[in-house]
Amino acid sequence: MTEEERAAKKDGFTLRGADASAIGHTALDTPPVDSDRPGRSYTDRDGSARGSYPGLKLNRLLRLLVTVPSFGEERTSLHLANGTRTTVRDYCAHMSRVDFEYRDRERVYWGTIRYAKAVDDGAWLNTGSKTEPSIRISNEMLGRLLDHWELDSVEDLAGAAFALWGKIRRGRKAPDKMFLFVESLTTFAIIPDERI
């Protein structure tokens, strides 16, 4: 954890997608302009002091969840672009604790890709047992992901850590199965096994 991240743990982070330009900063309510809090301070048009929490991109959040075992249980604040305030513990759900109660809840779901299988229009990324959700990714996004990480095939994703910022869905054909869909690479991050 960097010095900035340690300092920010007291006040929290603004969660950003993998593409930092996709989600703007989240304003603090009333920090003084000369605050020693990490992040930016600025003045609104009406002259009131404002500021923002330091940004935490999804890929950096994933690295913290994977490399700092206690981070997933932290009460560190997360501030979402829509104004929602939550905590790492409440908003980041490891796949081992996900059940149907999470259906349609937006969260950062994270864990390990156990098995990856290419299909005609993309790939299935399995995260564990039959009760744990599977991830569906399109060919286009899969190609961009493999190129970015210089991986040769979808099978190379097995063992990678992942974080997906989205909602759990229930299958239409298999209503007892949960799924996550990669809708954008902004909301999906991986760290290949050998790079953790």
N, C-alpha and C. Protein backbone atom coordinates (compact mmCIF):
# COMPACT_ATOMS: atom_id res chain seq x y z
N MET A 1 0.85 -1.17 0.00
CA MET A 1 0.00 0.00 0.00
C MET A 1 0.90 1.24 0.00
N THR A 2 0.58 2.20 -0.86
CA THR A 2 1.40 3.41 -0.94
C THR A 2 1.11 4.31 0.26
N GLU A 3 1.99 5.29 0.46
CA GLU A 3 1.82 6.24 1.55
C GLU A 3 0.50 7.01 1.40
N GLU A 4 0.16 7.39 0.16
CA GLU A 4 -1.11 8.09 -0.08
C GLU A 4 -2.30 7.22 0.29
N GLU A 5 -2.22 5.93 -0.05
CA GLU A 5 -3.32 5.03 0.27
C GLU A 5 -3.45 4.82 1.77
N ARG A 6 -2.31 4.74 2.48
CA ARG A 6 -2.38 4.59 3.93
C ARG A 6 -3.05 5.81 4.55
N ALA A 7 -2.64 6.99 4.09
CA ALA A 7 -3.23 8.22 4.62
C ALA A 7 -4.71 8.31 4.28
N ALA A 8 -5.08 7.87 3.08
CA ALA A 8 -6.47 7.99 2.65
C ALA A 8 -7.39 6.99 3.34
N LYS A 9 -6.84 5.91 3.90
CA LYS A 9 -7.68 4.92 4.57
C LYS A 9 -8.55 5.57 5.64
N LYS A 10 -8.05 6.63 6.26
CA LYS A 10 -8.83 7.31 7.29
C LYS A 10 -10.09 7.94 6.70
N ASP A 11 -9.94 8.53 5.52
CA ASP A 11 -11.03 9.29 4.93
C ASP A 11 -11.75 8.59 3.81
N GLY A 12 -11.11 7.65 3.13
CA GLY A 12 -11.76 6.90 2.08
C GLY A 12 -11.22 7.19 0.70
N PHE A 13 -11.78 6.48 -0.27
CA PHE A 13 -11.38 6.56 -1.66
C PHE A 13 -12.60 6.81 -2.52
N THR A 14 -12.38 7.40 -3.68
CA THR A 14 -13.38 7.47 -4.72
C THR A 14 -13.11 6.30 -5.64
N LEU A 15 -14.05 5.41 -5.80
CA LEU A 15 -13.87 4.26 -6.67
C LEU A 15 -14.04 4.69 -8.11
N ARG A 16 -13.08 4.34 -8.95
CA ARG A 16 -13.10 4.68 -10.36
C ARG A 16 -12.98 3.41 -11.17
N GLY A 17 -13.51 3.43 -12.38
CA GLY A 17 -13.37 2.30 -13.27
C GLY A 17 -11.93 2.14 -13.70
N ALA A 18 -11.64 1.09 -14.46
CA ALA A 18 -10.29 0.84 -14.93
C ALA A 18 -9.80 1.99 -15.81
N ASP A 19 -10.73 2.68 -16.48
CA ASP A 19 -10.42 3.85 -17.28
C ASP A 19 -10.79 5.06 -16.43
N ALA A 20 -9.78 5.72 -15.87
CA ALA A 20 -10.04 6.78 -14.89
C ALA A 20 -10.90 7.91 -15.44
N SER A 21 -10.90 8.10 -16.74
CA SER A 21 -11.71 9.18 -17.30
C SER A 21 -13.19 8.84 -17.31
N ALA A 22 -13.53 7.58 -17.07
CA ALA A 22 -14.92 7.15 -17.14
C ALA A 22 -15.75 7.64 -15.96
N ILE A 23 -15.15 7.85 -14.81
CA ILE A 23 -15.88 8.25 -13.61
C ILE A 23 -15.14 9.42 -12.99
N GLY A 24 -15.83 10.51 -12.74
CA GLY A 24 -15.19 11.69 -12.18
C GLY A 24 -14.96 11.59 -10.69
N HIS A 25 -14.40 12.64 -10.11
CA HIS A 25 -14.17 12.63 -8.67
C HIS A 25 -15.50 12.82 -7.94
N THR A 26 -15.49 12.45 -6.68
CA THR A 26 -16.67 12.62 -5.85
C THR A 26 -16.36 13.68 -4.81
N ALA A 27 -17.21 14.65 -4.70
CA ALA A 27 -16.96 15.78 -3.81
C ALA A 27 -17.17 15.42 -2.35
N LEU A 28 -16.33 15.99 -1.51
CA LEU A 28 -16.53 15.92 -0.08
C LEU A 28 -17.55 16.98 0.29
N ASP A 29 -18.18 16.83 1.43
CA ASP A 29 -19.20 17.80 1.82
C ASP A 29 -18.62 19.15 2.21
N THR A 30 -17.72 19.15 3.19
CA THR A 30 -17.21 20.44 3.66
C THR A 30 -15.76 20.38 4.12
N PRO A 31 -14.83 19.90 3.31
CA PRO A 31 -13.45 19.94 3.78
C PRO A 31 -12.89 21.36 3.63
N PRO A 32 -12.05 21.78 4.55
CA PRO A 32 -11.44 23.09 4.38
C PRO A 32 -10.48 23.07 3.19
N VAL A 33 -10.31 24.21 2.54
CA VAL A 33 -9.43 24.30 1.37
C VAL A 33 -8.00 23.94 1.75
N ASP A 34 -7.56 24.28 2.95
CA ASP A 34 -6.18 23.99 3.35
C ASP A 34 -6.06 22.63 4.04
N SER A 35 -7.02 21.75 3.83
CA SER A 35 -7.01 20.43 4.47
C SER A 35 -5.75 19.65 4.11
N ASP A 36 -5.24 18.85 5.05
CA ASP A 36 -4.09 17.99 4.74
C ASP A 36 -4.56 16.62 4.24
N ARG A 37 -5.82 16.48 3.97
CA ARG A 37 -6.41 15.26 3.47
C ARG A 37 -5.91 15.01 2.04
N PRO A 38 -5.56 13.75 1.69
CA PRO A 38 -5.18 13.48 0.30
C PRO A 38 -6.36 13.77 -0.63
N GLY A 39 -6.07 14.06 -1.85
CA GLY A 39 -7.12 14.39 -2.82
C GLY A 39 -6.99 15.86 -3.20
N ARG A 40 -7.93 16.35 -3.96
CA ARG A 40 -7.87 17.74 -4.42
C ARG A 40 -8.83 18.61 -3.64
N SER A 41 -8.43 19.84 -3.43
CA SER A 41 -9.34 20.83 -2.86
C SER A 41 -9.66 21.85 -3.93
N TYR A 42 -10.84 22.38 -3.92
CA TYR A 42 -11.24 23.39 -4.88
C TYR A 42 -12.38 24.19 -4.27
N THR A 43 -12.77 25.24 -4.94
CA THR A 43 -13.85 26.09 -4.47
C THR A 43 -14.99 26.04 -5.47
N ASP A 44 -16.21 25.81 -4.98
CA ASP A 44 -17.39 25.82 -5.84
C ASP A 44 -17.66 27.24 -6.32
N ARG A 45 -18.55 27.35 -7.31
CA ARG A 45 -18.92 28.67 -7.85
C ARG A 45 -19.46 29.60 -6.77
N ASP A 46 -20.12 29.02 -5.76
CA ASP A 46 -20.67 29.86 -4.71
C ASP A 46 -19.64 30.23 -3.65
N GLY A 47 -18.38 29.79 -3.83
CA GLY A 47 -17.31 30.15 -2.90
C GLY A 47 -17.10 29.18 -1.77
N SER A 48 -17.92 28.13 -1.68
CA SER A 48 -17.74 27.18 -0.59
C SER A 48 -16.57 26.23 -0.88
N ALA A 49 -15.89 25.84 0.16
CA ALA A 49 -14.75 24.93 0.03
C ALA A 49 -15.24 23.52 -0.26
N ARG A 50 -14.60 22.87 -1.18
CA ARG A 50 -14.95 21.50 -1.55
C ARG A 50 -13.67 20.72 -1.74
N GLY A 51 -13.79 19.45 -1.95
CA GLY A 51 -12.62 18.62 -2.21
C GLY A 51 -13.03 17.27 -2.72
N SER A 52 -12.08 16.42 -2.98
CA SER A 52 -12.40 15.08 -3.43
C SER A 52 -11.47 14.08 -2.77
N TYR A 53 -11.96 12.87 -2.62
CA TYR A 53 -11.13 11.81 -2.10
C TYR A 53 -10.18 11.34 -3.19
N PRO A 54 -9.04 10.78 -2.80
CA PRO A 54 -8.15 10.27 -3.83
C PRO A 54 -8.84 9.15 -4.60
N GLY A 55 -8.58 9.08 -5.89
CA GLY A 55 -9.18 8.05 -6.72
C GLY A 55 -8.54 6.70 -6.50
N LEU A 56 -9.33 5.68 -6.63
CA LEU A 56 -8.85 4.32 -6.53
C LEU A 56 -9.43 3.58 -7.73
N LYS A 57 -8.59 3.33 -8.72
CA LYS A 57 -9.05 2.61 -9.90
C LYS A 57 -9.37 1.17 -9.54
N LEU A 58 -10.23 0.58 -10.33
CA LEU A 58 -10.67 -0.80 -10.09
C LEU A 58 -9.48 -1.77 -10.05
N ASN A 59 -8.51 -1.60 -10.96
CA ASN A 59 -7.37 -2.51 -10.96
C ASN A 59 -6.52 -2.36 -9.70
N ARG A 60 -6.40 -1.15 -9.17
CA ARG A 60 -5.65 -0.95 -7.92
C ARG A 60 -6.43 -1.51 -6.74
N LEU A 61 -7.73 -1.34 -6.75
CA LEU A 61 -8.57 -1.94 -5.70
C LEU A 61 -8.39 -3.46 -5.71
N LEU A 62 -8.40 -4.06 -6.89
CA LEU A 62 -8.20 -5.51 -6.99
C LEU A 62 -6.85 -5.90 -6.41
N ARG A 63 -5.80 -5.18 -6.76
CA ARG A 63 -4.47 -5.52 -6.24
C ARG A 63 -4.46 -5.45 -4.71
N LEU A 64 -5.11 -4.44 -4.13
CA LEU A 64 -5.17 -4.34 -2.66
C LEU A 64 -5.96 -5.50 -2.06
N LEU A 65 -7.08 -5.85 -2.67
CA LEU A 65 -7.89 -6.96 -2.16
C LEU A 65 -7.10 -8.28 -2.18
N VAL A 66 -6.27 -8.46 -3.21
CA VAL A 66 -5.52 -9.71 -3.37
C VAL A 66 -4.27 -9.74 -2.50
N THR A 67 -3.54 -8.63 -2.42
CA THR A 67 -2.24 -8.65 -1.74
C THR A 67 -2.28 -8.24 -0.27
N VAL A 68 -3.34 -7.58 0.16
CA VAL A 68 -3.48 -7.20 1.57
C VAL A 68 -4.71 -7.94 2.10
N PRO A 69 -4.50 -9.13 2.67
CA PRO A 69 -5.64 -9.98 3.04
C PRO A 69 -6.72 -9.31 3.88
N SER A 70 -6.38 -8.40 4.74
CA SER A 70 -7.38 -7.76 5.60
C SER A 70 -8.13 -6.62 4.90
N PHE A 71 -7.68 -6.19 3.72
CA PHE A 71 -8.28 -5.02 3.08
C PHE A 71 -9.76 -5.25 2.74
N GLY A 72 -10.13 -6.46 2.36
CA GLY A 72 -11.52 -6.75 2.03
C GLY A 72 -12.47 -6.63 3.20
N GLU A 73 -11.95 -6.63 4.42
CA GLU A 73 -12.78 -6.49 5.61
C GLU A 73 -12.69 -5.10 6.22
N GLU A 74 -12.00 -4.20 5.54
CA GLU A 74 -11.81 -2.84 6.05
C GLU A 74 -13.11 -2.04 6.03
N ARG A 75 -13.21 -1.13 6.95
CA ARG A 75 -14.31 -0.16 6.98
C ARG A 75 -13.91 1.13 6.26
N THR A 76 -12.85 1.06 5.46
CA THR A 76 -12.42 2.21 4.67
C THR A 76 -13.56 2.64 3.76
N SER A 77 -13.80 3.93 3.70
CA SER A 77 -14.90 4.45 2.89
C SER A 77 -14.61 4.36 1.40
N LEU A 78 -15.66 4.02 0.65
CA LEU A 78 -15.65 4.09 -0.81
C LEU A 78 -16.74 5.07 -1.19
N HIS A 79 -16.41 5.97 -2.07
CA HIS A 79 -17.35 6.98 -2.52
C HIS A 79 -17.57 6.78 -4.01
N LEU A 80 -18.79 6.51 -4.39
CA LEU A 80 -19.11 6.21 -5.78
C LEU A 80 -19.52 7.48 -6.51
N ALA A 81 -19.38 7.46 -7.83
CA ALA A 81 -19.66 8.64 -8.64
C ALA A 81 -21.12 9.11 -8.51
N ASN A 82 -22.03 8.19 -8.15
CA ASN A 82 -23.43 8.59 -8.03
C ASN A 82 -23.75 9.21 -6.66
N GLY A 83 -22.71 9.40 -5.84
CA GLY A 83 -22.90 10.02 -4.53
C GLY A 83 -23.04 9.03 -3.39
N THR A 84 -23.15 7.75 -3.70
CA THR A 84 -23.28 6.72 -2.68
C THR A 84 -21.98 6.62 -1.87
N ARG A 85 -22.14 6.52 -0.58
CA ARG A 85 -21.00 6.28 0.31
C ARG A 85 -21.19 4.91 0.94
N THR A 86 -20.14 4.12 0.88
CA THR A 86 -20.18 2.77 1.42
C THR A 86 -18.81 2.43 1.98
N THR A 87 -18.55 1.17 2.27
CA THR A 87 -17.23 0.76 2.74
C THR A 87 -16.71 -0.37 1.86
N VAL A 88 -15.40 -0.57 1.91
CA VAL A 88 -14.79 -1.68 1.17
C VAL A 88 -15.47 -2.98 1.59
N ARG A 89 -15.65 -3.17 2.87
CA ARG A 89 -16.26 -4.41 3.39
C ARG A 89 -17.67 -4.65 2.84
N ASP A 90 -18.47 -3.60 2.78
CA ASP A 90 -19.85 -3.74 2.34
C ASP A 90 -20.01 -3.79 0.82
N TYR A 91 -19.09 -3.17 0.08
CA TYR A 91 -19.28 -3.04 -1.36
C TYR A 91 -18.47 -4.05 -2.17
N CYS A 92 -17.42 -4.59 -1.61
CA CYS A 92 -16.56 -5.55 -2.32
C CYS A 92 -16.87 -6.96 -1.81
N ALA A 93 -17.44 -7.78 -2.67
CA ALA A 93 -17.89 -9.11 -2.26
C ALA A 93 -17.01 -10.18 -2.90
N HIS A 94 -16.32 -10.94 -2.08
CA HIS A 94 -15.55 -12.08 -2.59
C HIS A 94 -16.52 -13.15 -3.04
N MET A 95 -16.18 -13.82 -4.13
CA MET A 95 -17.09 -14.80 -4.73
C MET A 95 -17.50 -15.90 -3.75
N SER A 96 -16.66 -16.22 -2.81
CA SER A 96 -16.98 -17.30 -1.86
C SER A 96 -18.16 -16.95 -0.95
N ARG A 97 -18.48 -15.67 -0.81
CA ARG A 97 -19.61 -15.30 0.06
C ARG A 97 -20.85 -14.89 -0.72
N VAL A 98 -20.79 -14.95 -2.05
CA VAL A 98 -21.91 -14.51 -2.89
C VAL A 98 -22.96 -15.61 -2.98
N ASP A 99 -24.22 -15.22 -2.75
CA ASP A 99 -25.34 -16.14 -2.92
C ASP A 99 -26.48 -15.38 -3.60
N PHE A 100 -27.64 -15.98 -3.70
CA PHE A 100 -28.75 -15.34 -4.41
C PHE A 100 -29.23 -14.05 -3.76
N GLU A 101 -28.85 -13.81 -2.52
CA GLU A 101 -29.20 -12.54 -1.87
C GLU A 101 -28.54 -11.36 -2.58
N TYR A 102 -27.47 -11.63 -3.32
CA TYR A 102 -26.75 -10.56 -4.03
C TYR A 102 -27.36 -10.26 -5.40
N ARG A 103 -28.32 -11.06 -5.82
CA ARG A 103 -28.90 -10.88 -7.15
C ARG A 103 -29.38 -9.44 -7.36
N ASP A 104 -29.00 -8.87 -8.49
CA ASP A 104 -29.34 -7.50 -8.90
C ASP A 104 -28.73 -6.41 -8.02
N ARG A 105 -27.79 -6.77 -7.17
CA ARG A 105 -27.11 -5.76 -6.36
C ARG A 105 -25.80 -5.36 -7.04
N GLU A 106 -25.62 -4.07 -7.21
CA GLU A 106 -24.35 -3.60 -7.76
C GLU A 106 -23.29 -3.66 -6.67
N ARG A 107 -22.19 -4.31 -7.00
CA ARG A 107 -21.06 -4.46 -6.10
C ARG A 107 -19.80 -4.61 -6.95
N VAL A 108 -18.66 -4.61 -6.27
CA VAL A 108 -17.42 -5.08 -6.90
C VAL A 108 -17.28 -6.53 -6.45
N TYR A 109 -17.48 -7.44 -7.39
CA TYR A 109 -17.33 -8.86 -7.12
C TYR A 109 -15.91 -9.25 -7.51
N TRP A 110 -15.25 -9.99 -6.63
CA TRP A 110 -13.85 -10.31 -6.92
C TRP A 110 -13.53 -11.74 -6.47
N GLY A 111 -12.47 -12.26 -7.04
CA GLY A 111 -12.04 -13.61 -6.71
C GLY A 111 -11.00 -14.08 -7.70
N THR A 112 -11.03 -15.38 -7.99
CA THR A 112 -10.07 -16.00 -8.89
C THR A 112 -10.81 -16.72 -10.00
N ILE A 113 -10.30 -16.59 -11.21
CA ILE A 113 -10.84 -17.35 -12.34
C ILE A 113 -10.24 -18.75 -12.24
N ARG A 114 -11.08 -19.75 -12.01
CA ARG A 114 -10.59 -21.12 -11.83
C ARG A 114 -10.44 -21.86 -13.16
N TYR A 115 -11.34 -21.56 -14.08
CA TYR A 115 -11.35 -22.27 -15.36
C TYR A 115 -11.92 -21.32 -16.41
N ALA A 116 -11.28 -21.29 -17.57
CA ALA A 116 -11.74 -20.41 -18.65
C ALA A 116 -11.95 -21.24 -19.91
N LYS A 117 -13.09 -21.03 -20.56
CA LYS A 117 -13.41 -21.81 -21.76
C LYS A 117 -13.96 -20.90 -22.85
N ALA A 118 -13.31 -20.96 -24.03
CA ALA A 118 -13.77 -20.19 -25.18
C ALA A 118 -15.01 -20.85 -25.77
N VAL A 119 -15.95 -20.03 -26.22
CA VAL A 119 -17.13 -20.49 -26.95
C VAL A 119 -17.24 -19.60 -28.19
N ASP A 120 -18.18 -19.91 -29.09
CA ASP A 120 -18.28 -19.20 -30.36
C ASP A 120 -18.29 -17.68 -30.25
N ASP A 121 -19.05 -17.15 -29.30
CA ASP A 121 -19.21 -15.70 -29.23
C ASP A 121 -18.52 -15.07 -28.02
N GLY A 122 -17.51 -15.73 -27.46
CA GLY A 122 -16.79 -15.17 -26.32
C GLY A 122 -16.18 -16.25 -25.46
N ALA A 123 -16.37 -16.11 -24.15
CA ALA A 123 -15.81 -17.09 -23.22
C ALA A 123 -16.61 -17.10 -21.92
N TRP A 124 -16.54 -18.25 -21.25
CA TRP A 124 -17.04 -18.40 -19.90
C TRP A 124 -15.84 -18.46 -18.98
N LEU A 125 -15.89 -17.67 -17.92
CA LEU A 125 -14.85 -17.68 -16.91
C LEU A 125 -15.50 -18.16 -15.62
N ASN A 126 -15.13 -19.36 -15.20
CA ASN A 126 -15.74 -19.94 -13.99
C ASN A 126 -14.92 -19.55 -12.77
N THR A 127 -15.63 -19.23 -11.69
CA THR A 127 -14.98 -18.69 -10.50
C THR A 127 -14.90 -19.68 -9.35
N GLY A 128 -15.41 -20.86 -9.53
CA GLY A 128 -15.35 -21.83 -8.44
C GLY A 128 -16.35 -22.94 -8.66
N SER A 129 -17.03 -23.29 -7.61
CA SER A 129 -17.99 -24.38 -7.66
C SER A 129 -19.21 -24.00 -8.49
N LYS A 130 -20.10 -24.95 -8.68
CA LYS A 130 -21.32 -24.68 -9.46
C LYS A 130 -22.21 -23.64 -8.79
N THR A 131 -22.05 -23.44 -7.50
CA THR A 131 -22.89 -22.46 -6.81
C THR A 131 -22.34 -21.04 -6.94
N GLU A 132 -21.07 -20.89 -7.32
CA GLU A 132 -20.49 -19.56 -7.47
C GLU A 132 -20.75 -19.05 -8.88
N PRO A 133 -20.93 -17.75 -9.03
CA PRO A 133 -21.24 -17.19 -10.35
C PRO A 133 -20.16 -17.45 -11.39
N SER A 134 -20.60 -17.52 -12.64
CA SER A 134 -19.70 -17.58 -13.78
C SER A 134 -19.73 -16.23 -14.47
N ILE A 135 -18.64 -15.91 -15.15
CA ILE A 135 -18.52 -14.62 -15.85
C ILE A 135 -18.60 -14.88 -17.35
N ARG A 136 -19.35 -14.05 -18.04
CA ARG A 136 -19.48 -14.14 -19.50
C ARG A 136 -18.82 -12.92 -20.11
N ILE A 137 -17.95 -13.13 -21.11
CA ILE A 137 -17.26 -12.03 -21.78
C ILE A 137 -17.36 -12.23 -23.29
N SER A 138 -17.59 -11.15 -24.03
CA SER A 138 -17.73 -11.22 -25.49
C SER A 138 -16.37 -11.39 -26.16
N ASN A 139 -16.38 -11.83 -27.42
CA ASN A 139 -15.14 -11.98 -28.17
C ASN A 139 -14.36 -10.68 -28.28
N GLU A 140 -15.07 -9.58 -28.54
CA GLU A 140 -14.39 -8.30 -28.69
C GLU A 140 -13.63 -7.91 -27.42
N MET A 141 -14.32 -7.97 -26.28
CA MET A 141 -13.68 -7.60 -25.02
C MET A 141 -12.61 -8.60 -24.62
N LEU A 142 -12.85 -9.87 -24.90
CA LEU A 142 -11.86 -10.90 -24.60
C LEU A 142 -10.58 -10.64 -25.38
N GLY A 143 -10.71 -10.33 -26.67
CA GLY A 143 -9.54 -10.04 -27.49
C GLY A 143 -8.74 -8.86 -26.97
N ARG A 144 -9.44 -7.79 -26.58
CA ARG A 144 -8.76 -6.61 -26.03
C ARG A 144 -8.07 -6.93 -24.71
N LEU A 145 -8.72 -7.74 -23.88
CA LEU A 145 -8.15 -8.12 -22.59
C LEU A 145 -6.89 -8.97 -22.78
N LEU A 146 -6.96 -9.96 -23.66
CA LEU A 146 -5.80 -10.82 -23.92
C LEU A 146 -4.65 -10.02 -24.52
N ASP A 147 -4.95 -9.11 -25.44
CA ASP A 147 -3.91 -8.26 -26.04
C ASP A 147 -3.25 -7.39 -24.98
N HIS A 148 -4.06 -6.79 -24.12
CA HIS A 148 -3.52 -5.89 -23.09
C HIS A 148 -2.51 -6.62 -22.20
N TRP A 149 -2.86 -7.84 -21.80
CA TRP A 149 -2.00 -8.60 -20.89
C TRP A 149 -1.01 -9.50 -21.63
N GLU A 150 -1.01 -9.43 -22.96
CA GLU A 150 -0.10 -10.24 -23.79
C GLU A 150 -0.25 -11.73 -23.48
N LEU A 151 -1.52 -12.17 -23.42
CA LEU A 151 -1.82 -13.58 -23.18
C LEU A 151 -2.18 -14.23 -24.52
N ASP A 152 -1.85 -15.49 -24.66
CA ASP A 152 -2.06 -16.19 -25.93
C ASP A 152 -3.46 -16.73 -26.12
N SER A 153 -4.10 -17.17 -25.06
CA SER A 153 -5.41 -17.78 -25.20
C SER A 153 -6.25 -17.55 -23.96
N VAL A 154 -7.54 -17.82 -24.09
CA VAL A 154 -8.46 -17.66 -22.97
C VAL A 154 -8.06 -18.55 -21.80
N GLU A 155 -7.49 -19.71 -22.09
CA GLU A 155 -7.08 -20.63 -21.02
C GLU A 155 -6.02 -20.01 -20.12
N ASP A 156 -5.27 -19.03 -20.64
CA ASP A 156 -4.25 -18.35 -19.83
C ASP A 156 -4.85 -17.50 -18.71
N LEU A 157 -6.16 -17.28 -18.76
CA LEU A 157 -6.83 -16.51 -17.70
C LEU A 157 -7.05 -17.34 -16.44
N ALA A 158 -6.95 -18.66 -16.54
CA ALA A 158 -7.13 -19.51 -15.36
C ALA A 158 -6.07 -19.13 -14.31
N GLY A 159 -6.53 -18.91 -13.08
CA GLY A 159 -5.64 -18.53 -11.99
C GLY A 159 -5.54 -17.02 -11.79
N ALA A 160 -6.07 -16.24 -12.74
CA ALA A 160 -6.00 -14.78 -12.62
C ALA A 160 -6.98 -14.28 -11.56
N ALA A 161 -6.58 -13.24 -10.86
CA ALA A 161 -7.49 -12.54 -9.95
C ALA A 161 -8.34 -11.61 -10.81
N PHE A 162 -9.59 -11.39 -10.41
CA PHE A 162 -10.47 -10.50 -11.16
C PHE A 162 -11.32 -9.67 -10.22
N ALA A 163 -11.77 -8.54 -10.72
CA ALA A 163 -12.79 -7.73 -10.06
C ALA A 163 -13.75 -7.28 -11.15
N LEU A 164 -15.04 -7.45 -10.90
CA LEU A 164 -16.05 -7.02 -11.84
C LEU A 164 -17.04 -6.13 -11.10
N TRP A 165 -17.16 -4.90 -11.56
CA TRP A 165 -18.05 -3.92 -10.96
C TRP A 165 -19.37 -4.01 -11.71
N GLY A 166 -20.35 -4.68 -11.12
CA GLY A 166 -21.62 -4.88 -11.81
C GLY A 166 -22.64 -5.55 -10.92
N LYS A 167 -23.58 -6.23 -11.56
CA LYS A 167 -24.68 -6.89 -10.85
C LYS A 167 -24.71 -8.37 -11.17
N ILE A 168 -25.07 -9.17 -10.17
CA ILE A 168 -25.28 -10.60 -10.34
C ILE A 168 -26.63 -10.81 -11.03
N ARG A 169 -26.65 -11.68 -12.00
CA ARG A 169 -27.89 -12.02 -12.70
C ARG A 169 -28.18 -13.50 -12.51
N ARG A 170 -29.43 -13.85 -12.59
CA ARG A 170 -29.86 -15.25 -12.52
C ARG A 170 -30.08 -15.73 -13.95
N GLY A 171 -29.66 -16.97 -14.23
CA GLY A 171 -29.79 -17.51 -15.58
C GLY A 171 -31.25 -17.73 -15.98
N ARG A 172 -31.54 -17.51 -17.26
CA ARG A 172 -32.89 -17.77 -17.77
C ARG A 172 -33.12 -19.27 -17.94
N LYS A 173 -32.13 -19.94 -18.51
CA LYS A 173 -32.26 -21.39 -18.73
C LYS A 173 -31.87 -22.19 -17.50
N ALA A 174 -31.05 -21.60 -16.66
CA ALA A 174 -30.60 -22.27 -15.43
C ALA A 174 -30.84 -21.32 -14.26
N PRO A 175 -32.08 -21.26 -13.75
CA PRO A 175 -32.41 -20.27 -12.72
C PRO A 175 -31.68 -20.48 -11.39
N ASP A 176 -31.05 -21.63 -11.20
CA ASP A 176 -30.30 -21.85 -9.97
C ASP A 176 -28.83 -21.49 -10.13
N LYS A 177 -28.47 -20.86 -11.25
CA LYS A 177 -27.10 -20.45 -11.53
C LYS A 177 -27.02 -18.93 -11.59
N MET A 178 -25.92 -18.37 -11.05
CA MET A 178 -25.71 -16.92 -11.06
C MET A 178 -24.65 -16.57 -12.10
N PHE A 179 -24.81 -15.39 -12.71
CA PHE A 179 -23.89 -14.96 -13.76
C PHE A 179 -23.52 -13.50 -13.56
N LEU A 180 -22.32 -13.16 -14.03
CA LEU A 180 -21.87 -11.79 -14.16
C LEU A 180 -21.52 -11.59 -15.63
N PHE A 181 -21.84 -10.44 -16.18
CA PHE A 181 -21.54 -10.16 -17.58
C PHE A 181 -20.57 -8.98 -17.65
N VAL A 182 -19.50 -9.15 -18.41
CA VAL A 182 -18.55 -8.07 -18.63
C VAL A 182 -19.18 -7.14 -19.66
N GLU A 183 -19.63 -5.99 -19.22
CA GLU A 183 -20.28 -5.04 -20.11
C GLU A 183 -19.30 -4.01 -20.64
N SER A 184 -18.17 -3.85 -19.97
CA SER A 184 -17.14 -2.90 -20.37
C SER A 184 -15.84 -3.28 -19.68
N LEU A 185 -14.72 -3.04 -20.34
CA LEU A 185 -13.44 -3.29 -19.68
C LEU A 185 -13.13 -2.22 -18.65
N THR A 186 -13.93 -1.17 -18.61
CA THR A 186 -13.81 -0.17 -17.56
C THR A 186 -14.26 -0.75 -16.22
N THR A 187 -15.18 -1.71 -16.27
CA THR A 187 -15.74 -2.28 -15.04
C THR A 187 -15.26 -3.70 -14.80
N PHE A 188 -14.19 -4.11 -15.47
CA PHE A 188 -13.64 -5.46 -15.30
C PHE A 188 -12.13 -5.36 -15.28
N ALA A 189 -11.52 -5.88 -14.24
CA ALA A 189 -10.06 -5.86 -14.12
C ALA A 189 -9.57 -7.25 -13.79
N ILE A 190 -8.40 -7.59 -14.32
CA ILE A 190 -7.76 -8.85 -13.96
C ILE A 190 -6.30 -8.60 -13.63
N ILE A 191 -5.72 -9.53 -12.91
CA ILE A 191 -4.27 -9.60 -12.71
C ILE A 191 -3.90 -11.05 -12.96
N PRO A 192 -3.19 -11.33 -14.06
CA PRO A 192 -2.79 -12.71 -14.33
C PRO A 192 -2.00 -13.29 -13.16
N ASP A 193 -2.16 -14.58 -12.97
CA ASP A 193 -1.58 -15.31 -11.84
C ASP A 193 -0.10 -14.98 -11.63
N GLU A 194 0.67 -14.99 -12.71
CA GLU A 194 2.12 -14.78 -12.57
C GLU A 194 2.49 -13.33 -12.26
N ARG A 195 1.53 -12.41 -12.28
CA ARG A 195 1.81 -11.00 -12.02
C ARG A 195 1.27 -10.51 -10.69
N ILE A 196 0.75 -11.42 -9.90
CA ILE A 196 0.21 -11.03 -8.58
C ILE A 196 1.35 -10.87 -7.61
